[in-house]
Amino acid sequence: MGKTSTIRARIKPDLKEKTEHIFKQLGLNTTKAITFFYKQVELKKGCLLMEPFQIRPPSRRFPLPDAI
């Protein structure tokens, strides 16, 4: 395995327990789930859960004030 980085996060114990149970049903552990999430953010250049906040190129539909 190549180089890895460590992530530390605080999370409510009940949320951790519930999600780890779901991960187990999906055949994932926490590391794989976090890696999956990071890869999706990288691939999509944003997060499906926060679609309005995705990074998008500036809109060119409206002229800039200097061009008016």
PDB file of N, CA and C in Angstrom:
ATOM      1  N   MET A   1       0.847  -1.181   0.000  1.00  0.00           N
ATOM      2  CA  MET A   1       0.000   0.000   0.000  1.00  0.00           C
ATOM      3  C   MET A   1       0.885   1.234   0.000  1.00  0.00           C
ATOM      4  N   GLY A   2       0.472   2.272  -0.714  1.00  0.00           N
ATOM      5  CA  GLY A   2       1.231   3.512  -0.792  1.00  0.00           C
ATOM      6  C   GLY A   2       1.102   4.332   0.476  1.00  0.00           C
ATOM      7  N   LYS A   3       1.639   5.539   0.397  1.00  0.00           N
ATOM      8  CA  LYS A   3       1.561   6.454   1.533  1.00  0.00           C
ATOM      9  C   LYS A   3       0.113   6.773   1.865  1.00  0.00           C
ATOM     10  N   THR A   4      -0.149   6.973   3.135  1.00  0.00           N
ATOM     11  CA  THR A   4      -1.488   7.364   3.569  1.00  0.00           C
ATOM     12  C   THR A   4      -1.387   8.519   4.551  1.00  0.00           C
ATOM     13  N   SER A   5      -2.480   9.230   4.739  1.00  0.00           N
ATOM     14  CA  SER A   5      -2.585  10.296   5.729  1.00  0.00           C
ATOM     15  C   SER A   5      -3.614   9.880   6.764  1.00  0.00           C
ATOM     16  N   THR A   6      -3.461  10.408   7.944  1.00  0.00           N
ATOM     17  CA  THR A   6      -4.401  10.119   9.020  1.00  0.00           C
ATOM     18  C   THR A   6      -5.392  11.262   9.154  1.00  0.00           C
ATOM     19  N   ILE A   7      -6.663  10.915   9.297  1.00  0.00           N
ATOM     20  CA  ILE A   7      -7.721  11.898   9.512  1.00  0.00           C
ATOM     21  C   ILE A   7      -8.284  11.651  10.908  1.00  0.00           C
ATOM     22  N   ARG A   8      -8.418  12.726  11.666  1.00  0.00           N
ATOM     23  CA  ARG A   8      -9.045  12.626  12.986  1.00  0.00           C
ATOM     24  C   ARG A   8     -10.261  13.535  12.990  1.00  0.00           C
ATOM     25  N   ALA A   9     -11.372  13.000  13.448  1.00  0.00           N
ATOM     26  CA  ALA A   9     -12.600  13.797  13.488  1.00  0.00           C
ATOM     27  C   ALA A   9     -13.392  13.449  14.735  1.00  0.00           C
ATOM     28  N   ARG A  10     -14.070  14.437  15.250  1.00  0.00           N
ATOM     29  CA  ARG A  10     -14.971  14.204  16.387  1.00  0.00           C
ATOM     30  C   ARG A  10     -16.370  13.985  15.827  1.00  0.00           C
ATOM     31  N   ILE A  11     -17.019  12.965  16.349  1.00  0.00           N
ATOM     32  CA  ILE A  11     -18.356  12.622  15.878  1.00  0.00           C
ATOM     33  C   ILE A  11     -19.148  12.069  17.060  1.00  0.00           C
ATOM     34  N   LYS A  12     -20.432  12.309  17.072  1.00  0.00           N
ATOM     35  CA  LYS A  12     -21.262  11.820  18.176  1.00  0.00           C
ATOM     36  C   LYS A  12     -21.231  10.292  18.194  1.00  0.00           C
ATOM     37  N   PRO A  13     -21.085   9.706  19.376  1.00  0.00           N
ATOM     38  CA  PRO A  13     -20.975   8.247  19.478  1.00  0.00           C
ATOM     39  C   PRO A  13     -22.148   7.490  18.860  1.00  0.00           C
ATOM     40  N   ASP A  14     -23.372   7.984  19.032  1.00  0.00           N
ATOM     41  CA  ASP A  14     -24.516   7.260  18.474  1.00  0.00           C
ATOM     42  C   ASP A  14     -24.511   7.289  16.945  1.00  0.00           C
ATOM     43  N   LEU A  15     -24.096   8.404  16.354  1.00  0.00           N
ATOM     44  CA  LEU A  15     -23.993   8.494  14.896  1.00  0.00           C
ATOM     45  C   LEU A  15     -22.914   7.542  14.387  1.00  0.00           C
ATOM     46  N   LYS A  16     -21.789   7.506  15.075  1.00  0.00           N
ATOM     47  CA  LYS A  16     -20.689   6.609  14.696  1.00  0.00           C
ATOM     48  C   LYS A  16     -21.154   5.154  14.728  1.00  0.00           C
ATOM     49  N   GLU A  17     -21.823   4.776  15.802  1.00  0.00           N
ATOM     50  CA  GLU A  17     -22.287   3.398  15.954  1.00  0.00           C
ATOM     51  C   GLU A  17     -23.289   3.023  14.864  1.00  0.00           C
ATOM     52  N   LYS A  18     -24.248   3.900  14.608  1.00  0.00           N
ATOM     53  CA  LYS A  18     -25.275   3.619  13.596  1.00  0.00           C
ATOM     54  C   LYS A  18     -24.678   3.522  12.195  1.00  0.00           C
ATOM     55  N   THR A  19     -23.777   4.452  11.862  1.00  0.00           N
ATOM     56  CA  THR A  19     -23.208   4.431  10.509  1.00  0.00           C
ATOM     57  C   THR A  19     -22.248   3.266  10.326  1.00  0.00           C
ATOM     58  N   GLU A  20     -21.493   2.906  11.354  1.00  0.00           N
ATOM     59  CA  GLU A  20     -20.597   1.756  11.230  1.00  0.00           C
ATOM     60  C   GLU A  20     -21.392   0.474  11.008  1.00  0.00           C
ATOM     61  N   HIS A  21     -22.572   0.385  11.605  1.00  0.00           N
ATOM     62  CA  HIS A  21     -23.445  -0.775  11.373  1.00  0.00           C
ATOM     63  C   HIS A  21     -23.870  -0.826   9.899  1.00  0.00           C
ATOM     64  N   ILE A  22     -24.233   0.321   9.347  1.00  0.00           N
ATOM     65  CA  ILE A  22     -24.624   0.393   7.933  1.00  0.00           C
ATOM     66  C   ILE A  22     -23.432   0.071   7.040  1.00  0.00           C
ATOM     67  N   PHE A  23     -22.261   0.638   7.359  1.00  0.00           N
ATOM     68  CA  PHE A  23     -21.056   0.341   6.573  1.00  0.00           C
ATOM     69  C   PHE A  23     -20.807  -1.166   6.540  1.00  0.00           C
ATOM     70  N   LYS A  24     -20.948  -1.812   7.691  1.00  0.00           N
ATOM     71  CA  LYS A  24     -20.710  -3.255   7.769  1.00  0.00           C
ATOM     72  C   LYS A  24     -21.658  -4.003   6.838  1.00  0.00           C
ATOM     73  N   GLN A  25     -22.931  -3.586   6.802  1.00  0.00           N
ATOM     74  CA  GLN A  25     -23.906  -4.220   5.908  1.00  0.00           C
ATOM     75  C   GLN A  25     -23.523  -4.020   4.444  1.00  0.00           C
ATOM     76  N   LEU A  26     -22.839  -2.912   4.157  1.00  0.00           N
ATOM     77  CA  LEU A  26     -22.411  -2.614   2.788  1.00  0.00           C
ATOM     78  C   LEU A  26     -21.052  -3.221   2.457  1.00  0.00           C
ATOM     79  N   GLY A  27     -20.448  -3.888   3.430  1.00  0.00           N
ATOM     80  CA  GLY A  27     -19.133  -4.486   3.214  1.00  0.00           C
ATOM     81  C   GLY A  27     -18.002  -3.475   3.313  1.00  0.00           C
ATOM     82  N   LEU A  28     -18.250  -2.372   4.017  1.00  0.00           N
ATOM     83  CA  LEU A  28     -17.246  -1.318   4.168  1.00  0.00           C
ATOM     84  C   LEU A  28     -16.818  -1.193   5.622  1.00  0.00           C
ATOM     85  N   ASN A  29     -15.629  -0.631   5.816  1.00  0.00           N
ATOM     86  CA  ASN A  29     -15.247  -0.173   7.141  1.00  0.00           C
ATOM     87  C   ASN A  29     -15.193   1.350   7.064  1.00  0.00           C
ATOM     88  N   THR A  30     -14.909   1.997   8.178  1.00  0.00           N
ATOM     89  CA  THR A  30     -14.919   3.460   8.199  1.00  0.00           C
ATOM     90  C   THR A  30     -13.889   4.038   7.237  1.00  0.00           C
ATOM     91  N   THR A  31     -12.706   3.453   7.182  1.00  0.00           N
ATOM     92  CA  THR A  31     -11.659   3.946   6.280  1.00  0.00           C
ATOM     93  C   THR A  31     -12.117   3.883   4.828  1.00  0.00           C
ATOM     94  N   LYS A  32     -12.698   2.769   4.430  1.00  0.00           N
ATOM     95  CA  LYS A  32     -13.177   2.634   3.047  1.00  0.00           C
ATOM     96  C   LYS A  32     -14.308   3.620   2.753  1.00  0.00           C
ATOM     97  N   ALA A  33     -15.197   3.832   3.722  1.00  0.00           N
ATOM     98  CA  ALA A  33     -16.309   4.769   3.525  1.00  0.00           C
ATOM     99  C   ALA A  33     -15.797   6.198   3.363  1.00  0.00           C
ATOM    100  N   ILE A  34     -14.839   6.595   4.186  1.00  0.00           N
ATOM    101  CA  ILE A  34     -14.268   7.941   4.082  1.00  0.00           C
ATOM    102  C   ILE A  34     -13.518   8.091   2.764  1.00  0.00           C
ATOM    103  N   THR A  35     -12.760   7.081   2.381  1.00  0.00           N
ATOM    104  CA  THR A  35     -12.033   7.120   1.110  1.00  0.00           C
ATOM    105  C   THR A  35     -13.009   7.242  -0.053  1.00  0.00           C
ATOM    106  N   PHE A  36     -14.102   6.489  -0.014  1.00  0.00           N
ATOM    107  CA  PHE A  36     -15.131   6.569  -1.051  1.00  0.00           C
ATOM    108  C   PHE A  36     -15.686   7.987  -1.139  1.00  0.00           C
ATOM    109  N   PHE A  37     -16.005   8.578   0.011  1.00  0.00           N
ATOM    110  CA  PHE A  37     -16.532   9.942   0.048  1.00  0.00           C
ATOM    111  C   PHE A  37     -15.530  10.919  -0.561  1.00  0.00           C
ATOM    112  N   TYR A  38     -14.266  10.843  -0.165  1.00  0.00           N
ATOM    113  CA  TYR A  38     -13.233  11.741  -0.691  1.00  0.00           C
ATOM    114  C   TYR A  38     -13.075  11.580  -2.199  1.00  0.00           C
ATOM    115  N   LYS A  39     -13.090  10.333  -2.678  1.00  0.00           N
ATOM    116  CA  LYS A  39     -12.931  10.100  -4.118  1.00  0.00           C
ATOM    117  C   LYS A  39     -14.107  10.677  -4.905  1.00  0.00           C
ATOM    118  N   GLN A  40     -15.314  10.585  -4.368  1.00  0.00           N
ATOM    119  CA  GLN A  40     -16.485  11.154  -5.033  1.00  0.00           C
ATOM    120  C   GLN A  40     -16.400  12.677  -5.083  1.00  0.00           C
ATOM    121  N   VAL A  41     -15.950  13.292  -3.994  1.00  0.00           N
ATOM    122  CA  VAL A  41     -15.780  14.750  -3.973  1.00  0.00           C
ATOM    123  C   VAL A  41     -14.746  15.161  -5.012  1.00  0.00           C
ATOM    124  N   GLU A  42     -13.632  14.419  -5.079  1.00  0.00           N
ATOM    125  CA  GLU A  42     -12.588  14.721  -6.065  1.00  0.00           C
ATOM    126  C   GLU A  42     -13.131  14.561  -7.485  1.00  0.00           C
ATOM    127  N   LEU A  43     -13.822  13.478  -7.745  1.00  0.00           N
ATOM    128  CA  LEU A  43     -14.349  13.185  -9.076  1.00  0.00           C
ATOM    129  C   LEU A  43     -15.384  14.215  -9.514  1.00  0.00           C
ATOM    130  N   LYS A  44     -16.297  14.555  -8.626  1.00  0.00           N
ATOM    131  CA  LYS A  44     -17.388  15.473  -8.957  1.00  0.00           C
ATOM    132  C   LYS A  44     -17.016  16.942  -8.769  1.00  0.00           C
ATOM    133  N   LYS A  45     -15.846  17.184  -8.172  1.00  0.00           N
ATOM    134  CA  LYS A  45     -15.424  18.558  -7.832  1.00  0.00           C
ATOM    135  C   LYS A  45     -16.466  19.214  -6.930  1.00  0.00           C
ATOM    136  N   GLY A  46     -17.080  18.411  -6.102  1.00  0.00           N
ATOM    137  CA  GLY A  46     -18.101  18.879  -5.183  1.00  0.00           C
ATOM    138  C   GLY A  46     -18.723  17.694  -4.477  1.00  0.00           C
ATOM    139  N   CYS A  47     -19.828  17.938  -3.830  1.00  0.00           N
ATOM    140  CA  CYS A  47     -20.485  16.903  -3.044  1.00  0.00           C
ATOM    141  C   CYS A  47     -21.956  16.841  -3.426  1.00  0.00           C
ATOM    142  N   LEU A  48     -22.428  15.660  -3.769  1.00  0.00           N
ATOM    143  CA  LEU A  48     -23.837  15.508  -4.126  1.00  0.00           C
ATOM    144  C   LEU A  48     -24.749  15.923  -2.983  1.00  0.00           C
ATOM    145  N   LEU A  49     -24.285  15.782  -1.758  1.00  0.00           N
ATOM    146  CA  LEU A  49     -25.093  16.151  -0.597  1.00  0.00           C
ATOM    147  C   LEU A  49     -25.213  17.657  -0.447  1.00  0.00           C
ATOM    148  N   MET A  50     -24.304  18.394  -1.075  1.00  0.00           N
ATOM    149  CA  MET A  50     -24.280  19.850  -0.959  1.00  0.00           C
ATOM    150  C   MET A  50     -24.242  20.477  -2.344  1.00  0.00           C
ATOM    151  N   GLU A  51     -25.062  19.972  -3.251  1.00  0.00           N
ATOM    152  CA  GLU A  51     -25.025  20.368  -4.657  1.00  0.00           C
ATOM    153  C   GLU A  51     -24.985  21.875  -4.899  1.00  0.00           C
ATOM    154  N   PRO A  52     -25.761  22.692  -4.197  1.00  0.00           N
ATOM    155  CA  PRO A  52     -25.703  24.136  -4.476  1.00  0.00           C
ATOM    156  C   PRO A  52     -24.335  24.756  -4.186  1.00  0.00           C
ATOM    157  N   PHE A  53     -23.501  24.072  -3.402  1.00  0.00           N
ATOM    158  CA  PHE A  53     -22.216  24.635  -3.010  1.00  0.00           C
ATOM    159  C   PHE A  53     -21.057  24.095  -3.833  1.00  0.00           C
ATOM    160  N   GLN A  54     -21.330  23.358  -4.900  1.00  0.00           N
ATOM    161  CA  GLN A  54     -20.263  22.801  -5.719  1.00  0.00           C
ATOM    162  C   GLN A  54     -19.480  23.911  -6.402  1.00  0.00           C
ATOM    163  N   ILE A  55     -18.218  23.621  -6.654  1.00  0.00           N
ATOM    164  CA  ILE A  55     -17.360  24.564  -7.366  1.00  0.00           C
ATOM    165  C   ILE A  55     -17.765  24.537  -8.834  1.00  0.00           C
ATOM    166  N   ARG A  56     -18.092  25.687  -9.363  1.00  0.00           N
ATOM    167  CA  ARG A  56     -18.500  25.776 -10.769  1.00  0.00           C
ATOM    168  C   ARG A  56     -17.759  26.928 -11.425  1.00  0.00           C
ATOM    169  N   PRO A  57     -17.511  26.827 -12.722  1.00  0.00           N
ATOM    170  CA  PRO A  57     -16.873  27.958 -13.403  1.00  0.00           C
ATOM    171  C   PRO A  57     -17.798  29.170 -13.379  1.00  0.00           C
ATOM    172  N   PRO A  58     -17.245  30.370 -13.410  1.00  0.00           N
ATOM    173  CA  PRO A  58     -18.093  31.569 -13.394  1.00  0.00           C
ATOM    174  C   PRO A  58     -19.029  31.598 -14.595  1.00  0.00           C
ATOM    175  N   SER A  59     -20.214  32.103 -14.382  1.00  0.00           N
ATOM    176  CA  SER A  59     -21.203  32.197 -15.447  1.00  0.00           C
ATOM    177  C   SER A  59     -20.841  33.355 -16.375  1.00  0.00           C
ATOM    178  N   ARG A  60     -20.966  33.149 -17.668  1.00  0.00           N
ATOM    179  CA  ARG A  60     -20.694  34.204 -18.658  1.00  0.00           C
ATOM    180  C   ARG A  60     -21.984  34.638 -19.345  1.00  0.00           C
ATOM    181  N   ARG A  61     -23.123  34.294 -18.765  1.00  0.00           N
ATOM    182  CA  ARG A  61     -24.407  34.651 -19.377  1.00  0.00           C
ATOM    183  C   ARG A  61     -24.684  36.140 -19.289  1.00  0.00           C
ATOM    184  N   PHE A  62     -24.154  36.783 -18.263  1.00  0.00           N
ATOM    185  CA  PHE A  62     -24.412  38.200 -18.060  1.00  0.00           C
ATOM    186  C   PHE A  62     -23.125  38.985 -18.258  1.00  0.00           C
ATOM    187  N   PRO A  63     -23.189  40.128 -18.948  1.00  0.00           N
ATOM    188  CA  PRO A  63     -21.965  40.908 -19.172  1.00  0.00           C
ATOM    189  C   PRO A  63     -21.416  41.463 -17.860  1.00  0.00           C
ATOM    190  N   LEU A  64     -20.118  41.582 -17.806  1.00  0.00           N
ATOM    191  CA  LEU A  64     -19.476  42.192 -16.649  1.00  0.00           C
ATOM    192  C   LEU A  64     -19.777  43.684 -16.644  1.00  0.00           C
ATOM    193  N   PRO A  65     -19.814  44.339 -15.490  1.00  0.00           N
ATOM    194  CA  PRO A  65     -20.117  45.774 -15.435  1.00  0.00           C
ATOM    195  C   PRO A  65     -19.210  46.622 -16.329  1.00  0.00           C
ATOM    196  N   ASP A  66     -17.948  46.259 -16.497  1.00  0.00           N
ATOM    197  CA  ASP A  66     -17.021  47.014 -17.351  1.00  0.00           C
ATOM    198  C   ASP A  66     -17.437  46.975 -18.819  1.00  0.00           C
ATOM    199  N   ALA A  67     -18.112  45.889 -19.207  1.00  0.00           N
ATOM    200  CA  ALA A  67     -18.460  45.704 -20.615  1.00  0.00           C
ATOM    201  C   ALA A  67     -19.749  46.425 -21.003  1.00  0.00           C
ATOM    202  N   ILE A  68     -20.455  46.961 -20.058  1.00  0.00           N
ATOM    203  CA  ILE A  68     -21.745  47.614 -20.354  1.00  0.00           C
ATOM    204  C   ILE A  68     -21.523  49.010 -20.880  1.00  0.00           C
TER     205      ILE A  68
END
